[in-house]
Protein backbone atom coordinates (compact mmCIF):
# COMPACT_ATOMS: atom_id res chain seq x y z
CA VAL A 1 14.15 -26.93 55.28
CA VAL A 2 13.51 -28.92 58.17
CA PHE A 3 16.57 -26.96 59.99
CA ILE A 4 14.90 -23.48 59.52
CA GLY A 5 11.19 -24.75 59.97
CA LEU A 6 12.36 -26.05 63.61
CA MET A 7 14.20 -22.67 63.79
CA LEU A 8 11.35 -20.61 63.47
CA ALA A 9 8.99 -23.31 65.40
CA THR A 10 11.43 -22.60 68.48
CA ARG A 11 11.66 -18.44 67.73
CA MET A 12 7.79 -18.75 67.75
CA MET A 13 7.68 -20.31 71.00
CA GLN A 14 10.39 -18.23 72.60
CA ARG A 15 8.12 -15.59 72.14
CA VAL A 16 5.10 -17.43 73.14
CA LEU A 17 6.66 -18.04 75.93
CA SER A 18 7.80 -14.38 76.77
CA ASP A 19 4.75 -12.89 75.97
CA ARG A 20 2.31 -14.92 77.28
CA VAL A 21 2.71 -17.64 78.88
CA LEU A 22 6.20 -16.47 81.63
CA PRO A 23 4.87 -13.31 82.63
CA GLN A 24 1.06 -15.33 84.14
CA THR A 25 4.00 -16.88 86.50
CA GLN A 26 5.26 -15.50 89.53
CA LEU A 27 8.86 -15.91 87.87
CA GLU A 28 11.29 -13.05 88.32
CA PRO A 29 12.34 -11.16 84.99
CA GLY A 30 15.31 -12.38 85.19
CA ILE A 31 14.51 -16.05 85.83
CA GLN A 32 12.32 -15.64 82.48
CA HIS A 33 14.24 -14.45 80.17
CA SER A 34 16.88 -17.51 81.91
CA VAL A 35 13.90 -19.79 80.85
CA VAL A 36 13.37 -18.59 77.10
CA ALA A 37 17.22 -18.12 76.78
CA GLY A 38 17.85 -21.83 77.62
CA PHE A 39 14.78 -22.47 75.39
CA GLY A 40 16.18 -21.26 72.39
CA TYR A 41 19.28 -23.15 72.67
CA VAL A 42 18.10 -26.57 73.14
CA GLY A 43 16.24 -25.28 69.96
CA ILE A 44 19.39 -25.19 67.98
CA VAL A 45 20.70 -28.26 69.49
CA ILE A 46 17.84 -30.38 68.12
CA ALA A 47 17.39 -28.19 65.03
CA ALA A 48 21.09 -29.15 63.91
CA ALA A 49 20.89 -32.01 64.77
CA LEU A 50 17.56 -33.17 62.80
CA GLY A 51 18.57 -31.36 60.13
CA ILE A 52 22.01 -33.11 59.73
CA THR A 53 19.57 -36.64 60.18
CA VAL A 54 17.64 -36.12 57.32
CA LEU A 55 20.32 -35.31 55.58
CA GLY A 56 21.42 -39.19 55.50
CA VAL A 57 24.73 -37.97 57.56
CA ASP A 58 25.34 -40.79 60.09
CA LEU A 59 26.11 -38.95 63.57
CA SER A 60 28.18 -41.33 64.69
CA ASN A 61 31.11 -40.58 61.52
CA LEU A 62 30.15 -37.25 62.20
CA ALA A 63 31.62 -37.31 65.67
CA ILE A 64 34.39 -38.66 64.62
CA ILE A 65 35.09 -35.69 61.75
CA ALA A 66 34.45 -33.58 64.82
CA GLY A 67 37.18 -34.93 66.62
CA ALA A 68 39.52 -34.83 64.16
CA LEU A 69 39.11 -31.40 63.77
CA SER A 70 38.31 -30.25 66.84
CA VAL A 71 42.00 -29.75 67.98
CA GLY A 72 42.49 -27.39 65.13
CA ILE A 73 38.93 -25.59 65.64
CA GLY A 74 39.28 -25.23 68.88
CA PHE A 75 41.96 -22.83 68.83
CA GLY A 76 40.86 -20.60 66.48
CA LEU A 77 37.02 -20.66 68.06
CA GLN A 78 38.16 -21.11 71.54
CA ASN A 79 37.22 -17.55 72.44
CA ILE A 80 34.08 -17.97 71.24
CA VAL A 81 33.59 -21.48 72.61
CA ASN A 82 34.77 -19.66 75.89
CA ASN A 83 31.86 -17.03 75.85
CA PHE A 84 29.20 -19.62 75.13
CA VAL A 85 29.72 -21.69 77.87
CA SER A 86 30.45 -19.13 80.02
CA GLY A 87 27.07 -17.55 78.86
CA LEU A 88 25.32 -20.57 79.87
CA ILE A 89 26.95 -20.61 83.57
CA LEU A 90 25.54 -17.39 83.89
CA LEU A 91 21.83 -18.65 82.78
CA ALA A 92 22.51 -21.42 85.27
CA GLU A 93 24.44 -20.14 87.97
CA ARG A 94 22.37 -16.47 88.13
CA PRO A 95 24.93 -14.61 90.14
CA PHE A 96 23.15 -11.17 88.16
CA LYS A 97 19.79 -11.12 86.01
CA VAL A 98 18.02 -9.14 83.82
CA GLY A 99 17.57 -5.76 85.18
CA ASP A 100 19.88 -5.87 88.07
CA TRP A 101 22.32 -3.59 89.19
CA ILE A 102 26.24 -4.60 88.56
CA GLU A 103 29.83 -2.86 88.93
CA ALA A 104 32.01 -4.99 86.22
CA GLY A 105 36.00 -3.50 86.03
CA PRO A 106 35.35 0.30 84.97
CA HIS A 107 31.40 -0.67 84.02
CA MET A 108 28.22 0.35 86.09
CA GLY A 109 25.06 0.01 84.80
CA LEU A 110 21.70 -1.97 84.84
CA VAL A 111 21.92 -5.24 82.94
CA LYS A 112 19.15 -5.26 79.55
CA LYS A 113 20.69 -9.01 78.40
CA ILE A 114 22.42 -12.10 78.56
CA SER A 115 23.23 -13.66 75.26
CA VAL A 116 25.37 -16.63 73.94
CA ARG A 117 28.37 -14.52 73.58
CA ALA A 118 27.66 -11.42 75.63
CA THR A 119 26.20 -9.62 78.10
CA GLU A 120 24.35 -6.16 77.73
CA ILE A 121 24.38 -3.75 80.41
CA GLU A 122 23.09 0.02 80.01
CA THR A 123 25.63 2.58 81.97
CA PHE A 124 23.60 5.52 83.66
CA GLN A 125 24.88 7.72 80.92
CA ARG A 126 22.45 5.58 79.16
CA GLN A 127 25.61 4.42 77.02
CA THR A 128 25.40 0.12 75.92
CA ILE A 129 28.31 -1.90 77.34
CA ILE A 130 28.76 -5.43 75.95
CA LEU A 131 30.63 -7.41 77.58
CA PRO A 132 32.31 -11.11 77.11
CA ASN A 133 30.68 -13.55 79.13
CA SER A 134 33.89 -14.65 79.77
CA ASP A 135 35.08 -11.50 81.49
CA LEU A 136 31.67 -11.72 83.64
CA ILE A 137 33.20 -15.34 84.60
CA ASN A 138 36.63 -14.57 85.44
CA GLN A 139 36.75 -11.69 87.18
CA ALA A 140 35.46 -9.81 90.44
CA VAL A 141 31.60 -8.35 89.48
CA GLY A 142 29.40 -6.53 92.13
CA ASN A 143 25.99 -6.95 91.98
CA ARG A 144 23.61 -4.12 94.27
CA THR A 145 20.70 -5.92 93.80
CA HIS A 146 21.72 -9.61 94.01
CA ARG A 147 19.41 -11.07 96.99
CA ASN A 148 17.56 -7.35 97.93
CA HIS A 149 17.53 -3.52 97.01
CA LEU A 150 18.96 -2.50 100.26
CA GLY A 151 21.49 -0.07 99.96
CA ARG A 152 23.69 2.11 101.77
CA VAL A 153 24.58 5.87 101.68
CA ASP A 154 27.57 7.86 102.95
CA ILE A 155 27.63 11.20 103.57
CA PRO A 156 30.73 12.51 104.65
CA VAL A 157 30.83 16.01 106.40
CA GLY A 158 33.55 18.52 108.07
CA VAL A 159 32.50 21.24 110.53
CA SER A 160 34.83 23.46 112.59
CA TYR A 161 37.06 22.71 115.43
CA SER A 162 34.66 25.48 117.48
CA SER A 163 31.43 23.06 116.80
CA ASP A 164 30.15 20.53 119.70
CA PRO A 165 30.65 17.16 118.28
CA ALA A 166 27.63 15.71 120.39
CA GLU A 167 25.59 18.51 118.61
CA VAL A 168 27.00 17.76 115.39
CA ARG A 169 26.05 14.33 115.96
CA ASP A 170 22.32 14.77 116.95
CA ILE A 171 21.84 17.07 114.17
CA LEU A 172 22.89 14.34 111.50
CA LEU A 173 20.84 11.88 113.23
CA ARG A 174 17.71 14.44 113.34
CA LEU A 175 17.89 15.04 110.10
CA ALA A 176 18.29 11.77 108.69
CA GLY A 177 15.20 10.50 111.52
CA GLU A 178 13.31 13.06 109.18
CA HIS A 179 13.87 11.89 105.56
CA ARG A 180 10.55 9.50 104.14
CA LEU A 181 13.14 7.22 102.39
CA VAL A 182 15.50 6.28 104.88
CA LEU A 183 14.76 3.49 107.05
CA ARG A 184 14.66 2.85 110.45
CA ASN A 185 15.78 -0.66 111.06
CA PRO A 186 19.12 -0.42 110.40
CA PRO A 187 19.00 2.88 111.95
CA PRO A 188 21.58 6.07 110.78
CA VAL A 189 24.78 5.77 112.40
CA VAL A 190 27.03 8.70 112.96
CA TYR A 191 30.67 8.47 113.01
CA PHE A 192 33.22 10.30 114.51
CA ALA A 193 36.11 9.62 111.63
CA ALA A 194 39.08 11.98 112.00
CA PHE A 195 41.06 15.45 113.14
CA GLY A 196 41.55 16.64 109.87
CA ALA A 197 43.53 19.56 108.45
CA SER A 198 40.97 22.06 109.00
CA SER A 199 37.70 20.30 110.18
CA LEU A 200 36.35 17.75 112.64
CA ASP A 201 35.37 15.37 110.01
CA PHE A 202 31.76 13.37 110.11
CA GLU A 203 30.06 10.62 108.54
CA LEU A 204 26.57 10.40 107.99
CA ARG A 205 25.71 6.17 107.14
CA VAL A 206 21.90 5.56 106.55
CA TYR A 207 20.18 2.94 104.96
CA MET A 208 17.19 2.67 102.50
CA ALA A 209 14.95 0.46 101.24
CA ASP A 210 15.43 0.76 97.36
CA VAL A 211 19.26 1.56 96.40
CA PHE A 212 17.85 3.12 93.21
CA ASP A 213 16.44 6.16 95.93
CA ILE A 214 20.61 6.73 96.79
CA LEU A 215 21.13 9.96 94.42
CA THR A 216 17.70 11.34 95.88
CA VAL A 217 18.94 10.39 99.54
CA GLU A 218 22.12 11.85 99.02
CA THR A 219 20.94 15.23 97.04
CA ASP A 220 18.22 16.16 99.96
CA LEU A 221 20.37 14.94 103.32
CA ARG A 222 23.21 17.18 102.04
CA MET A 223 21.21 19.85 101.64
CA ALA A 224 19.20 19.78 104.94
CA ILE A 225 22.74 19.56 106.37
CA HIS A 226 23.91 22.43 104.78
């Protein structure tokens, strides 16, 4: 009863923090999620400890028993424990937070939830992917919105060998400068990339303030160039 009561109280406090208290602060949504999740973990530990104490079990004796069983249980639950500890590390170090655009292996999408065992991301095809936390700790993870939302678009352009390279450069820079979402600093850049088999290959590189505008900028610039 004590355990259930404390767990209900913890859930209630988490709801109050999430819905009323934290939205009034200046904390980022990702930090708010980490605070709520951390509060839940602490509540579980306290509820379990007090529940066992009320049963009259001596925690020192319980520690001895747990130590004896830890080897066998450890082999059976090592993946679960690994994911749990990895989840705590993710919440503490915050290499990414809820709402970030990340790439983990073949998966790319927005972080929707960081839980005890796994992290939930939603791809841009609206598919939900559940990734074990240990995988996100032990492999390289790209985060396009870690420090800011600045993004870059690279647009390859092939033109005829009869084209004037200087004129091609000037046209690309003019079109980039006319787009409302393209930043002036860093400025757009045009590279003469290669002499292709049947074309002179250029590459236009532009920066935007919000990486989520990448498809809009790519489409608009390609249509303007064409």
